[in-house]
Amino acid sequence: MIPNCKHTSELLSQAQDRSLTLPEKLRLELHLLICERCRNFNRQLEFMRAALRRYRDRD
């Protein structure tokens, strides 16, 4: 089952705090292949993570 956008955004957020299971990763990747909006959301999350890391490590 390919998750919908809501479930995908939840998985992307959860991936920040824990390792996803193999079935979760596969469903997530399948959805990202077909959904441009979720790919964009994922890029935004990655950008924010990188910005926060740079801010934290600036000293």
C-alpha atoms as a PDB file:
ATOM      1  CA  MET A   1       0.000   0.000   0.000  1.00  0.00           C
ATOM      2  CA  ILE A   2       1.395   3.403  -1.012  1.00  0.00           C
ATOM      3  CA  PRO A   3       0.723   5.978   1.728  1.00  0.00           C
ATOM      4  CA  ASN A   4      -1.206   9.149   1.047  1.00  0.00           C
ATOM      5  CA  CYS A   5       0.363  12.602   1.415  1.00  0.00           C
ATOM      6  CA  LYS A   6      -0.678  12.982   5.052  1.00  0.00           C
ATOM      7  CA  HIS A   7       0.890   9.666   6.032  1.00  0.00           C
ATOM      8  CA  THR A   8       3.987  10.473   3.968  1.00  0.00           C
ATOM      9  CA  SER A   9       4.498  13.812   5.717  1.00  0.00           C
ATOM     10  CA  GLU A  10       4.152  12.041   9.070  1.00  0.00           C
ATOM     11  CA  LEU A  11       6.752   9.452   8.038  1.00  0.00           C
ATOM     12  CA  LEU A  12       9.127  12.168   6.840  1.00  0.00           C
ATOM     13  CA  SER A  13       8.782  13.936  10.183  1.00  0.00           C
ATOM     14  CA  GLN A  14       9.187  10.714  12.166  1.00  0.00           C
ATOM     15  CA  ALA A  15      12.332   9.891  10.208  1.00  0.00           C
ATOM     16  CA  GLN A  16      13.924  12.888  11.957  1.00  0.00           C
ATOM     17  CA  ASP A  17      13.582  11.160  15.336  1.00  0.00           C
ATOM     18  CA  ARG A  18      13.797   7.444  14.623  1.00  0.00           C
ATOM     19  CA  SER A  19      14.842   4.904  12.041  1.00  0.00           C
ATOM     20  CA  LEU A  20      12.004   3.881   9.799  1.00  0.00           C
ATOM     21  CA  THR A  21      11.271   0.215   9.283  1.00  0.00           C
ATOM     22  CA  LEU A  22      12.022  -1.311   5.900  1.00  0.00           C
ATOM     23  CA  PRO A  23       8.319  -1.424   4.908  1.00  0.00           C
ATOM     24  CA  GLU A  24       7.932   2.239   5.950  1.00  0.00           C
ATOM     25  CA  LYS A  25      10.984   3.217   3.892  1.00  0.00           C
ATOM     26  CA  LEU A  26       9.696   1.364   0.848  1.00  0.00           C
ATOM     27  CA  ARG A  27       6.227   2.922   1.074  1.00  0.00           C
ATOM     28  CA  LEU A  28       7.783   6.335   1.567  1.00  0.00           C
ATOM     29  CA  GLU A  29      10.083   5.968  -1.444  1.00  0.00           C
ATOM     30  CA  LEU A  30       7.214   4.761  -3.629  1.00  0.00           C
ATOM     31  CA  HIS A  31       5.100   7.749  -2.702  1.00  0.00           C
ATOM     32  CA  LEU A  32       7.971  10.185  -3.245  1.00  0.00           C
ATOM     33  CA  LEU A  33       8.446   8.755  -6.745  1.00  0.00           C
ATOM     34  CA  ILE A  34       4.945   9.768  -7.728  1.00  0.00           C
ATOM     35  CA  CYS A  35       4.274  12.901  -5.656  1.00  0.00           C
ATOM     36  CA  GLU A  36       6.057  16.152  -6.448  1.00  0.00           C
ATOM     37  CA  ARG A  37       4.485  17.981  -3.493  1.00  0.00           C
ATOM     38  CA  CYS A  38       5.857  15.465  -1.000  1.00  0.00           C
ATOM     39  CA  ARG A  39       9.283  15.554  -2.684  1.00  0.00           C
ATOM     40  CA  ASN A  40       9.202  19.325  -2.240  1.00  0.00           C
ATOM     41  CA  PHE A  41       8.201  18.952   1.431  1.00  0.00           C
ATOM     42  CA  ASN A  42      11.098  16.525   1.903  1.00  0.00           C
ATOM     43  CA  ARG A  43      13.536  19.009   0.335  1.00  0.00           C
ATOM     44  CA  GLN A  44      12.225  21.721   2.674  1.00  0.00           C
ATOM     45  CA  LEU A  45      12.784  19.471   5.700  1.00  0.00           C
ATOM     46  CA  GLU A  46      16.310  18.687   4.525  1.00  0.00           C
ATOM     47  CA  PHE A  47      17.024  22.410   4.034  1.00  0.00           C
ATOM     48  CA  MET A  48      15.803  23.234   7.551  1.00  0.00           C
ATOM     49  CA  ARG A  49      17.849  20.392   9.067  1.00  0.00           C
ATOM     50  CA  ALA A  50      20.982  21.596   7.292  1.00  0.00           C
ATOM     51  CA  ALA A  51      20.359  25.221   8.329  1.00  0.00           C
ATOM     52  CA  LEU A  52      19.852  24.224  11.955  1.00  0.00           C
ATOM     53  CA  ARG A  53      23.013  22.097  11.863  1.00  0.00           C
ATOM     54  CA  ARG A  54      25.016  25.036  10.459  1.00  0.00           C
ATOM     55  CA  TYR A  55      23.571  27.344  13.126  1.00  0.00           C
ATOM     56  CA  ARG A  56      24.391  24.861  15.897  1.00  0.00           C
ATOM     57  CA  ASP A  57      27.936  24.264  14.617  1.00  0.00           C
ATOM     58  CA  ARG A  58      28.859  27.877  13.864  1.00  0.00           C
ATOM     59  CA  ASP A  59      30.885  28.334  17.060  1.00  0.00           C
END
